[in-house]
Every structure is written in structure tokens, then in C-alpha cells.
Protein backbone atom coordinates (compact mmCIF):
# COMPACT_ATOMS: atom_id res chain seq x y z
CA MET A 1 -7.93 -29.75 -23.34
CA THR A 2 -5.56 -28.72 -26.04
CA GLU A 3 -1.75 -28.20 -25.37
CA ALA A 4 -2.09 -24.56 -26.00
CA MET A 5 -5.35 -24.24 -23.32
CA ILE A 6 -3.19 -25.95 -20.80
CA ASP A 7 -0.08 -23.77 -21.21
CA LYS A 8 -2.49 -20.83 -20.77
CA GLN A 9 -4.10 -21.96 -17.64
CA GLN A 10 -0.59 -22.77 -15.98
CA LYS A 11 0.82 -19.16 -16.93
CA GLU A 12 -2.38 -17.45 -15.33
CA THR A 13 -2.08 -19.39 -11.97
CA LEU A 14 0.43 -18.07 -9.33
CA PRO A 15 3.37 -20.36 -8.22
CA GLU A 16 3.24 -21.86 -4.85
CA ASN A 17 6.20 -21.01 -2.56
CA SER A 18 7.61 -24.12 -3.29
CA SER A 19 8.72 -23.23 -6.77
CA LEU A 20 10.53 -19.84 -5.47
CA LYS A 21 14.25 -19.83 -5.26
CA LEU A 22 15.68 -19.32 -2.10
CA LEU A 23 19.54 -18.14 -1.86
CA LEU A 24 20.80 -18.66 1.79
CA LEU A 25 24.51 -16.87 2.38
CA ASP A 26 25.63 -17.26 5.79
CA ASP A 27 29.42 -18.50 7.12
CA GLU A 28 28.28 -20.51 9.97
CA GLU A 29 27.36 -23.94 8.70
CA ASP A 30 25.21 -24.56 11.62
CA ILE A 31 22.90 -21.91 10.64
CA ILE A 32 22.80 -23.00 7.34
CA ASN A 33 21.87 -26.34 7.96
CA ALA A 34 19.26 -25.04 10.67
CA LEU A 35 17.62 -22.76 8.00
CA LYS A 36 17.51 -25.73 5.55
CA ARG A 37 15.80 -28.04 7.86
CA LEU A 38 13.18 -25.24 8.43
CA LEU A 39 12.54 -24.44 4.98
CA ARG A 40 13.48 -26.96 2.57
CA ASN A 41 9.61 -28.33 2.24
CA ASN A 42 8.51 -24.84 1.36
CA TYR A 43 11.46 -23.48 -1.19
CA GLU A 44 13.85 -24.62 -3.64
CA ILE A 45 17.10 -23.57 -1.35
CA ILE A 46 20.46 -22.92 -2.66
CA THR A 47 22.96 -22.18 0.13
CA PHE A 48 26.54 -20.25 0.16
CA SER A 49 29.22 -19.71 2.85
CA LYS A 50 31.12 -17.01 1.02
CA GLY A 51 29.49 -13.83 -0.29
CA CYS A 52 32.18 -14.03 -3.59
CA GLU A 53 30.67 -17.23 -4.44
CA ALA A 54 27.24 -16.40 -4.05
CA ILE A 55 27.52 -13.11 -6.53
CA ALA A 56 29.20 -15.48 -8.99
CA TYR A 57 25.86 -17.74 -8.63
CA LEU A 58 23.76 -14.77 -9.05
CA ASN A 59 25.55 -13.49 -12.36
CA GLU A 60 24.52 -16.53 -14.12
CA ASN A 61 21.26 -17.82 -12.13
CA HIS A 62 17.73 -16.36 -11.20
CA VAL A 63 16.46 -16.25 -7.57
CA ASP A 64 13.21 -15.24 -6.20
CA ILE A 65 14.61 -14.50 -2.30
CA ILE A 66 18.04 -14.00 -0.78
CA MET A 67 18.70 -14.30 2.91
CA SER A 68 21.91 -13.08 4.19
CA ASP A 69 23.53 -12.83 7.62
CA MET A 70 24.97 -9.39 8.54
CA ARG A 71 28.13 -10.14 9.95
CA MET A 72 30.73 -12.26 7.72
CA PRO A 73 34.15 -12.13 7.01
CA LYS A 74 35.65 -10.28 3.92
CA MET A 75 31.99 -9.06 2.49
CA ASP A 76 29.17 -8.32 5.34
CA GLY A 77 25.52 -8.77 4.21
CA ALA A 78 24.84 -5.10 3.51
CA GLU A 79 27.70 -4.94 1.02
CA PHE A 80 26.48 -8.59 -0.51
CA LEU A 81 22.84 -7.42 -0.67
CA ALA A 82 23.77 -4.08 -2.33
CA HIS A 83 25.70 -6.10 -5.15
CA ALA A 84 22.73 -8.65 -5.07
CA ARG A 85 20.65 -5.65 -5.74
CA ASP A 86 22.53 -4.59 -8.72
CA ILE A 87 22.45 -8.04 -10.37
CA ILE A 88 18.83 -9.04 -9.56
CA PRO A 89 16.85 -5.88 -8.88
CA ASN A 90 13.54 -7.48 -8.47
CA ALA A 91 14.63 -10.30 -6.18
CA ILE A 92 13.15 -9.92 -2.22
CA ARG A 93 15.89 -9.30 0.10
CA LEU A 94 16.15 -10.11 3.58
CA LEU A 95 18.71 -9.66 6.20
CA LEU A 96 19.78 -11.86 9.19
CA THR A 97 21.06 -9.46 11.92
CA GLY A 98 21.77 -9.13 15.67
CA TYR A 99 20.54 -6.50 17.89
CA SER A 100 23.93 -5.08 17.89
CA ASP A 101 24.29 -4.58 14.26
CA MET A 102 21.38 -1.92 13.99
CA ASP A 103 23.62 0.73 12.69
CA SER A 104 24.78 -1.70 9.81
CA THR A 105 21.12 -2.68 9.39
CA VAL A 106 19.87 0.61 8.45
CA LYS A 107 22.35 0.96 6.15
CA ALA A 108 21.76 -2.29 4.55
CA ILE A 109 18.08 -1.31 4.11
CA ASN A 110 18.90 1.87 2.64
CA ASP A 111 21.87 0.42 0.32
CA GLY A 112 20.78 -2.76 -0.30
CA GLY A 113 16.84 -2.33 -0.68
CA VAL A 114 16.41 -4.81 2.02
CA TYR A 115 12.38 -5.82 2.32
CA THR A 116 12.99 -6.61 6.05
CA TYR A 117 15.10 -7.87 8.80
CA ILE A 118 15.12 -10.92 10.98
CA SER A 119 16.76 -10.65 14.67
CA LYS A 120 18.77 -13.39 15.88
CA PRO A 121 18.22 -15.64 17.41
CA TRP A 122 15.08 -15.95 15.51
CA ASN A 123 11.67 -17.91 16.12
CA ASN A 124 10.90 -20.40 13.81
CA GLN A 125 7.43 -19.50 13.27
CA ASP A 126 8.14 -15.77 12.98
CA LEU A 127 10.61 -16.54 10.60
CA LYS A 128 8.32 -18.74 8.44
CA LEU A 129 5.55 -16.08 8.37
CA THR A 130 8.11 -13.47 7.44
CA LEU A 131 9.03 -15.57 4.47
CA GLU A 132 5.69 -16.45 3.45
CA LYS A 133 4.77 -12.34 3.69
CA ALA A 134 7.81 -11.70 1.29
CA SER A 135 6.83 -14.44 -0.95
CA GLU A 136 3.31 -12.88 -1.48
CA HIS A 137 4.68 -9.36 -1.64
CA TYR A 138 7.03 -10.98 -4.62
CA LEU A 139 4.56 -12.75 -6.61
CA LEU A 140 2.12 -9.75 -6.37
CA LYS A 141 4.79 -7.61 -7.69
CA LYS A 142 5.43 -10.13 -10.38
CA GLU A 143 1.91 -10.57 -11.30
CA ALA A 144 1.39 -6.85 -11.22
CA LYS A 145 4.56 -6.21 -13.43
CA ARG A 146 2.72 -8.93 -15.92
CA LEU A 147 -0.56 -7.28 -15.93
CA ASN A 148 0.96 -3.57 -16.53
CA GLU A 149 2.89 -5.15 -19.35
CA GLU A 150 -0.19 -6.42 -20.73
CA VAL A 151 -1.85 -2.90 -20.55
CA ALA A 152 1.02 -1.50 -21.81
CA LYS A 153 0.89 -3.41 -24.82
CA ALA A 154 -2.51 -2.60 -25.41
CA ASN A 155 -2.38 1.03 -24.89
CA LYS A 156 0.58 1.10 -27.56
CA GLU A 157 -1.77 -0.61 -30.07
CA LEU A 158 -4.69 1.66 -28.92
CA GLU A 159 -2.21 4.74 -29.61
CA ILE A 160 -2.47 3.66 -33.41
CA PHE A 161 -6.17 4.59 -33.62
CA ASN A 162 -6.39 7.84 -31.34
CA GLN A 163 -4.56 10.59 -30.44
CA SER A 164 -6.64 12.89 -27.81
CA LEU A 165 -6.59 11.97 -24.15
CA GLU A 166 -10.40 11.74 -24.20
CA LEU A 167 -10.42 8.78 -26.41
CA LYS A 168 -7.50 7.02 -24.83
CA VAL A 169 -9.12 7.19 -21.45
CA ALA A 170 -12.48 6.00 -23.15
CA GLN A 171 -10.59 3.00 -24.58
CA ARG A 172 -8.91 2.19 -21.16
CA THR A 173 -12.18 2.23 -19.33
CA LYS A 174 -13.57 -0.25 -22.09
CA ALA A 175 -10.70 -2.62 -21.19
CA LEU A 176 -11.47 -2.17 -17.70
CA GLN A 177 -15.15 -2.90 -18.18
CA ALA A 178 -14.31 -6.04 -19.72
CA SER A 179 -11.85 -6.97 -16.92
CA THR A 180 -14.64 -6.32 -14.55
CA LYS A 181 -17.04 -8.48 -16.52
CA LYS A 182 -14.55 -11.32 -16.20
CA LEU A 183 -14.13 -10.34 -12.57
CA LYS A 184 -17.77 -10.84 -11.64
CA ASN A 185 -18.33 -14.18 -13.69
CA THR A 186 -15.02 -15.25 -11.25
CA LEU A 187 -16.69 -13.99 -8.19
CA GLN A 188 -20.07 -15.68 -9.13
CA THR A 189 -18.23 -19.27 -9.13
CA GLN A 190 -15.47 -18.60 -6.81
CA LYS A 191 -16.92 -16.63 -3.74
CA GLU A 192 -14.08 -17.66 -1.56
CA LEU A 193 -11.45 -15.52 -3.40
CA PHE A 194 -13.68 -12.24 -2.38
CA PHE A 195 -11.20 -10.78 -0.13
CA ASP A 196 -8.29 -12.04 -2.29
CA VAL A 197 -9.80 -10.21 -5.21
CA LEU A 198 -9.93 -6.81 -2.83
CA ASP A 199 -6.45 -7.00 -1.79
CA MET A 200 -5.46 -7.23 -5.86
CA MET A 201 -7.80 -4.39 -6.42
CA SER A 202 -6.11 -2.21 -3.52
CA ALA A 203 -2.73 -3.13 -4.65
CA THR A 204 -3.71 -1.83 -7.99
CA ILE A 205 -4.63 1.34 -6.88
CA GLU A 206 -1.68 1.69 -4.67
CA TYR A 207 0.58 0.71 -7.82
CA ARG A 208 -1.10 3.42 -9.93
CA THR A 209 -1.31 6.27 -7.41
CA GLY A 210 2.14 5.47 -6.13
CA PHE A 211 0.63 5.82 -2.29
CA SER A 212 2.32 3.18 0.13
CA ALA A 213 1.19 -0.06 0.93
CA GLY A 214 -1.88 -0.03 3.66
CA HIS A 215 -2.85 3.76 2.41
CA SER A 216 -6.07 2.56 1.14
CA LYS A 217 -6.55 0.49 4.13
CA ARG A 218 -5.73 3.02 6.61
CA ILE A 219 -8.61 5.08 5.07
CA ALA A 220 -10.91 2.34 4.88
CA ILE A 221 -10.44 1.46 8.47
CA GLN A 222 -10.73 4.99 9.75
CA CYS A 223 -14.03 5.54 7.55
CA LYS A 224 -15.66 2.18 9.37
CA THR A 225 -14.48 3.40 12.75
CA VAL A 226 -16.39 6.72 11.98
CA ALA A 227 -19.61 5.06 10.59
CA LYS A 228 -19.76 2.86 13.62
CA SER A 229 -19.36 5.75 15.79
CA LEU A 230 -22.20 7.63 13.94
CA GLY A 231 -24.63 4.87 14.95
CA LEU A 232 -24.81 3.06 11.55
CA ASP A 233 -25.71 -0.59 11.67
CA ASP A 234 -23.08 -3.32 10.53
CA ILE A 235 -24.25 -3.54 6.99
CA ASN A 236 -23.59 0.17 6.48
CA CYS A 237 -20.40 0.19 8.14
CA ARG A 238 -19.18 -2.83 6.14
CA ARG A 239 -20.27 -1.24 2.95
CA ILE A 240 -18.53 2.03 3.61
CA TYR A 241 -15.46 0.15 4.27
CA LEU A 242 -15.45 -1.39 1.06
CA CYS A 243 -16.22 2.04 -0.50
CA ALA A 244 -13.24 3.63 1.06
CA LEU A 245 -11.13 0.57 0.11
CA LEU A 246 -11.98 1.29 -3.52
CA HIS A 247 -12.62 4.89 -3.59
CA GLU A 248 -9.58 5.48 -5.88
CA ILE A 249 -10.19 2.76 -8.30
CA GLY A 250 -11.09 5.30 -10.97
CA THR A 251 -7.44 6.62 -11.10
CA VAL A 252 -6.62 3.60 -13.07
CA GLY A 253 -8.46 5.07 -16.15
CA LEU A 254 -6.90 8.55 -15.98
CA SER A 255 -3.78 9.81 -17.85
CA ASP A 256 -0.47 10.37 -16.09
CA ASP A 257 -0.74 14.20 -16.66
CA LEU A 258 -4.07 14.33 -15.05
CA LEU A 259 -3.14 12.13 -12.01
CA GLN A 260 -0.13 14.32 -11.06
CA GLU A 261 -2.69 17.23 -11.05
CA SER A 262 -4.19 15.86 -7.88
CA THR A 263 -3.69 18.96 -5.45
CA LEU A 264 -6.44 19.28 -3.02
CA GLY A 265 -8.18 22.32 -3.62
CA SER A 266 -6.83 23.52 -7.02
CA GLY A 267 -8.97 25.25 -9.26
CA LYS A 268 -7.86 23.13 -12.31
CA LEU A 269 -9.47 19.80 -10.93
CA ASP A 270 -12.95 19.83 -12.39
CA ASP A 271 -12.07 16.96 -14.99
CA LEU A 272 -10.16 14.87 -12.23
CA LEU A 273 -12.76 15.49 -9.68
CA VAL A 274 -15.64 14.34 -11.85
CA THR A 275 -13.69 11.81 -13.96
CA HIS A 276 -12.37 9.43 -11.71
CA PRO A 277 -15.35 8.94 -9.37
CA MET A 278 -17.44 8.20 -12.36
CA ILE A 279 -15.15 5.94 -14.14
CA GLY A 280 -14.70 4.07 -10.20
CA ALA A 281 -18.41 3.99 -9.73
CA GLU A 282 -18.99 2.61 -13.55
CA ILE A 283 -16.14 0.01 -12.87
CA VAL A 284 -17.66 -0.95 -9.25
CA GLY A 285 -21.16 -1.10 -10.44
CA LYS A 286 -20.20 -3.91 -13.08
CA VAL A 287 -19.50 -6.16 -10.56
CA LYS A 288 -23.29 -7.17 -8.91
CA ARG A 289 -21.95 -7.53 -5.43
CA PHE A 290 -20.40 -4.20 -5.44
CA ALA A 291 -23.30 -2.53 -7.26
CA PRO A 292 -24.66 -0.59 -3.53
CA LEU A 293 -20.94 0.52 -3.30
CA THR A 294 -21.42 3.02 -6.70
CA ASP A 295 -23.31 5.96 -5.04
CA ASN A 296 -20.69 6.77 -2.20
CA ILE A 297 -17.59 6.32 -4.79
CA LEU A 298 -19.47 8.32 -7.44
CA HIS A 299 -20.11 11.48 -4.77
CA GLN A 300 -16.71 11.29 -2.81
CA ASN A 301 -16.07 14.97 -4.15
CA GLU A 302 -19.32 16.48 -3.45
CA ASN A 303 -19.22 19.52 -0.81
CA ILE A 304 -21.86 19.88 1.89
CA ASP A 305 -22.79 23.22 0.66
CA GLY A 306 -23.82 22.03 -3.02
CA THR A 307 -20.57 23.39 -4.62
CA GLY A 308 -18.93 19.75 -5.19
CA LEU A 309 -18.62 17.43 -8.08
CA PRO A 310 -20.25 15.70 -10.05
CA LYS A 311 -24.00 16.44 -9.04
CA HIS A 312 -23.80 19.43 -6.69
CA LEU A 313 -25.65 17.23 -4.07
CA SER A 314 -25.98 19.13 -0.60
CA GLY A 315 -26.57 18.27 3.15
CA ASP A 316 -27.80 14.96 3.46
CA ASP A 317 -28.69 14.39 -0.25
CA ILE A 318 -24.98 13.30 -0.07
CA PRO A 319 -24.63 9.68 0.96
CA VAL A 320 -23.29 9.49 4.21
CA GLY A 321 -20.69 6.96 3.33
CA ALA A 322 -19.63 9.84 0.65
CA ARG A 323 -19.36 12.53 3.38
CA ILE A 324 -17.19 10.15 5.73
CA ILE A 325 -14.64 9.27 2.76
CA ARG A 326 -14.38 12.99 1.51
CA ILE A 327 -13.35 14.01 5.19
CA VAL A 328 -10.74 10.90 5.73
CA LYS A 329 -9.33 11.21 2.43
CA ASP A 330 -8.66 14.86 2.73
CA PHE A 331 -7.17 14.56 5.99
CA ASP A 332 -4.93 11.71 4.97
CA PHE A 333 -3.95 14.09 1.85
CA LEU A 334 -3.06 16.75 3.95
CA ILE A 335 -0.71 15.40 6.19
CA ALA A 336 0.76 12.48 3.91
CA GLY A 337 -0.39 13.09 0.43
CA LYS A 338 2.13 11.99 -2.04
CA THR A 339 1.39 14.80 -4.42
CA ASN A 340 1.18 17.66 -1.79
CA GLU A 341 4.30 19.51 -1.48
CA LYS A 342 2.80 21.39 1.48
CA ARG A 343 2.07 18.64 3.93
CA MET A 344 0.58 19.79 7.21
CA SER A 345 1.16 18.78 11.09
CA ILE A 346 -2.09 17.42 12.43
CA THR A 347 -2.98 20.33 14.45
CA ASN A 348 -2.96 22.40 11.23
CA ALA A 349 -4.66 19.97 9.27
CA TYR A 350 -7.43 19.96 11.91
CA ALA A 351 -7.82 23.67 12.02
CA TRP A 352 -7.68 23.89 8.19
CA MET A 353 -10.80 21.61 7.82
CA LYS A 354 -12.36 23.21 10.76
CA GLU A 355 -12.46 26.29 8.52
CA ARG A 356 -14.22 24.35 5.91
CA ALA A 357 -16.98 22.56 8.19
CA GLY A 358 -20.26 23.67 7.01
CA ILE A 359 -18.93 24.39 3.42
CA TRP A 360 -17.19 21.19 2.14
CA TYR A 361 -17.35 19.23 5.16
CA ASP A 362 -20.34 17.60 7.50
CA ARG A 363 -19.51 19.28 10.73
CA ASN A 364 -20.81 16.44 12.72
CA ILE A 365 -18.91 13.92 10.90
CA LEU A 366 -15.56 16.14 10.89
CA ASN A 367 -15.70 16.57 14.87
CA THR A 368 -16.54 13.00 15.10
CA PHE A 369 -13.36 11.94 13.10
CA ILE A 370 -11.19 14.39 15.09
CA ASP A 371 -12.54 13.18 18.20
CA LEU A 372 -11.85 9.51 17.13
CA LEU A 373 -8.26 10.39 16.19
CA GLY A 374 -7.62 12.00 19.67
CA ASN A 375 -9.15 9.21 21.70
CA ARG A 376 -6.35 6.25 21.46
CA GLU A 377 -8.17 4.59 24.55
CA SER A 378 -10.99 3.60 22.64
CA ASP A 379 -12.31 -0.06 22.54
CA ASP A 380 -11.96 -0.27 18.84
CA SER A 381 -8.84 -2.82 18.16
CA GLU A 382 -9.02 -2.12 14.51
CA MET A 383 -8.50 1.75 14.29
CA GLU A 384 -5.24 2.99 13.04
CA PHE A 385 -4.23 6.33 14.16
CA SER A 386 -2.72 9.33 12.28
CA ILE A 387 -0.49 10.97 15.00
CA GLY A 388 2.34 13.50 15.37
CA VAL A 389 5.38 13.07 17.53
CA GLU A 390 3.75 14.82 20.55
CA ALA A 391 0.94 12.19 20.68
CA LEU A 392 3.79 9.18 20.47
CA LYS A 393 4.01 7.06 23.18
CA PRO A 394 6.52 4.25 24.21
CA GLY A 395 4.95 0.98 22.92
CA ASP A 396 3.51 2.41 20.25
CA LYS A 397 3.98 0.29 16.79
CA LEU A 398 4.45 1.73 13.51
CA LEU A 399 2.17 0.49 10.74
CA GLU A 400 4.34 2.06 7.88
CA ASP A 401 7.87 2.94 7.51
CA LEU A 402 8.86 6.53 8.69
CA ILE A 403 11.07 7.94 5.65
CA LEU A 404 12.77 11.20 5.91
CA GLN A 405 12.55 13.95 3.47
CA ASN A 406 16.21 12.65 1.97
CA GLY A 407 14.23 9.32 1.20
CA ASN A 408 16.26 7.50 3.85
CA VAL A 409 14.29 4.91 6.13
CA MET A 410 14.33 6.34 9.88
CA LEU A 411 11.94 3.69 11.24
CA LYS A 412 10.71 0.67 9.91
CA ALA A 413 7.10 -0.71 9.94
CA GLY A 414 6.43 -2.96 12.60
CA GLN A 415 9.11 -1.23 15.15
CA GLU A 416 8.10 -0.58 18.71
CA ILE A 417 8.79 2.94 19.88
CA ASN A 418 10.56 3.67 22.97
CA SER A 419 11.67 6.97 24.70
CA ILE A 420 14.94 7.42 22.85
CA MET A 421 13.42 7.07 19.80
CA ILE A 422 10.75 9.78 20.63
CA ASP A 423 13.48 12.18 21.53
CA LYS A 424 15.19 11.38 18.15
CA LEU A 425 12.23 12.57 16.54
CA LYS A 426 11.66 15.70 18.32
CA GLU A 427 15.29 16.59 17.89
CA TYR A 428 14.61 15.92 14.34
CA GLU A 429 11.50 18.28 14.17
CA ARG A 430 13.51 20.85 15.73
CA THR A 431 16.69 20.53 13.69
CA HIS A 432 15.00 20.36 10.08
CA ASN A 433 12.13 22.86 11.27
CA THR A 434 9.29 19.86 10.08
CA LYS A 435 6.65 18.14 11.42
CA VAL A 436 6.36 14.03 11.31
CA THR A 437 3.32 12.22 11.05
CA LEU A 438 3.36 8.66 11.96
CA PHE A 439 0.60 5.97 11.54
CA ILE A 440 0.19 3.35 14.52
CA ALA A 441 -2.38 0.80 15.47
């Protein structure tokens, strides 16, 4: 193997956690020592007891993860992490804080771009798991940036040879076909990477569409639960789950302008409704293991009355997975769509979709889906629910951050809801004349 081949192989391999640099800041030496003992085998650790010294170090050196205590003299954790964000914006930032610091913690999350916070006293295993997830998140973002830089470079070269949007999409699709072929060969020899590849593709979709992390997974879980309730066998339920997870993969082949026009019910969407399912079906079909998924992805925008796209199928001629995906994804768009400026409450979304039952949507599947969302006492432990504040209960745990209209984070993913939070959410809805949608398990 030549030196160039070895260098390329090393660049294509993601680093282990042990190669990530972790900066620890705490004015208590005992805490620093405890963290070093806990984490020294997994990370390259740099420690400081003063914020000014840590900032001076960051100005001259790169680190991957920054963990700071909240309460410190002269410069608290919120101020330090805000400075750190300006110096190394791509680093993952975590905050050590006590329960009494919640106001300061929210400020640190908003001003310092904190990935998450860790409560004192911490549980060693929970802290290590949090850091592992943070590391995975950091490495995934880093790899996505590298891949997108390569795509951007390729697109810039392609612009020399084409000016039209159609040709640009064709060239991008060709590049994706080559990538999918390479992925197919990899899957044949390394089947154990199957679910890692799925996670990567989901992250690519989320990166391209701008949806929050977990958007595709939520739709996939809800689709699988609907399929199970309809009495479909395990193979079809799993297949529909995978189809829903990848139903937006074709968006990577769309132009930015076309992607921005994705408004449900718009009369200008023929190109979008036809193009991204066809690109997605073609991409997925190139992977032999994924070939059975193509019909559900291709026909996800068909209408039950035959007026949909791309083939104008109707009734039972539309694959059942496509009919399920159509209902679940449209509902998610109505209540939480990134490009939907007129988001609806849960109740209004139900009413809007029921008006189109038998026209756009399969009536039986729609009723099954609405019943599932309303039955939180079901035995399905995987189900993720989209609910309004009126259905929120103490003890519910958030799956996604609750972000206000001004962009601030009101509640963090993973928080357990209590009665005080519910009252505050109801007051927020009254004050701002709006409806809040939450995602819970």
C-alpha cells in the first residue's frame, strides 16, 4: 500500500473519542481531578481553573469539546461559553450546573450555544454517556461539513458546463448514483454497518431540509405504528418504517429554490411533488437491499382519488406504505413544518385533514392515525406523540427542544414536564394567541 493510499484511508476514517480534545474549566480543583480520572482514558484533556486563562488558550489552540462549571468567580460559565463560542464556534459546549442555576443555565444555552447541561452532582455513567453522544454529534457534523464541502466543490466545477437548473439536478443525481453504488458495495461486505448508514442518510436529509434532529425518525415510528395497527405483518411494518425514514432522501437532488417552495397544497408544486420522490426512489433502488422500498417512496404524493403525482394512482392501487407516509408527513407539516408559516393546532390539523379524507387521504388510515395519537395509554413503547398543551401531563418527557417564536429555547429535549411548566405553557399560549406543539414519547 502506497503512502498516498494510507493517508487517504486515514482521512476517510472517523477518529475515536480518545483523539478529541476536551477542555475542562472549574475553579474547584477536586472537581477537575474527579473529571480527569473519569475521562482521561477517553479524551485528550486540558484543564483550567480560571476563565481568562482558558480563553487565552482557546485563542491559540483548537479543542473539540468544552465543559465549564456555571458558578465561578469573576467570569461565570455562561459568559465563558459565550466567549468560547465566538472563538471556536464549531466546538461542542456543555455546562455543569446546579438546580438553583436554571435561569443562568437558560441564558447560557441561548447565549453560549450550549449543546446540553449536566446537573451537579452528576452520575458518572450518565456523564460519560452524555459526552459520548456529544462526541458522536460533533463528529457527524464534522463529517457532514467535509462531505458538503466536497459536494460544493463538485457543483462549482459543474457550473462551468451547465447553466440550467435541469442539467444541474441531473448532474447532482448522477453524483448521488455513484455514491449510492459505492454504498451498496460497502453494505455487501460490511452488513454490520447497516443501521449506521441509515443514521447517516437521515442526518443528510435533516441537514438538507433543515428539519430538527429526530424529524424523520418521528415520522418513521408513527408510520410503523399505524402499519402495525392496520394488521400488517412484521416485514411490511419494518419496510414501511425504512421507507418513512428515507422518504425525503430525494431532496438532496433538488435546487435550493425548488426546495423553498415546499408549501403543502400549493399549486406550484408539480415539479417538487414529482421530482424528489422520483429521485429518492431511484437513489434507494440502486441499493439492492433497499429495492423493495422504492414504490412507497415514489408514490408518497399520490391522492386517494387519483389526482396525485407522479402516476395518478388511486385507491388500493397506491401502495399502503405510501398512503400511510402521505398522512403522517402531511400532519407533521401542518403542525410543525419548517416552511409552513401558518402552522395549525393539533385539533385544526385533524379537522383540515378530515375534510380531505376520501380525496387526498385514505379514510381508514387517517382515522387509525388520529386514534393512535389520541391513545397515549397504548402498549406500544416506541410510539412518539405529537400533542398540544391541553394533552400534556406531568411526567411527560420532551423528545425535542421547545423553541419559541423568537428563537429562544423554552424547554430542552429530555426535560420531564411538571404542573408548573404546563401552567406556564398555557399562559404563553393565552398571552401570544398561539398554539404550542410538543413531541413526547
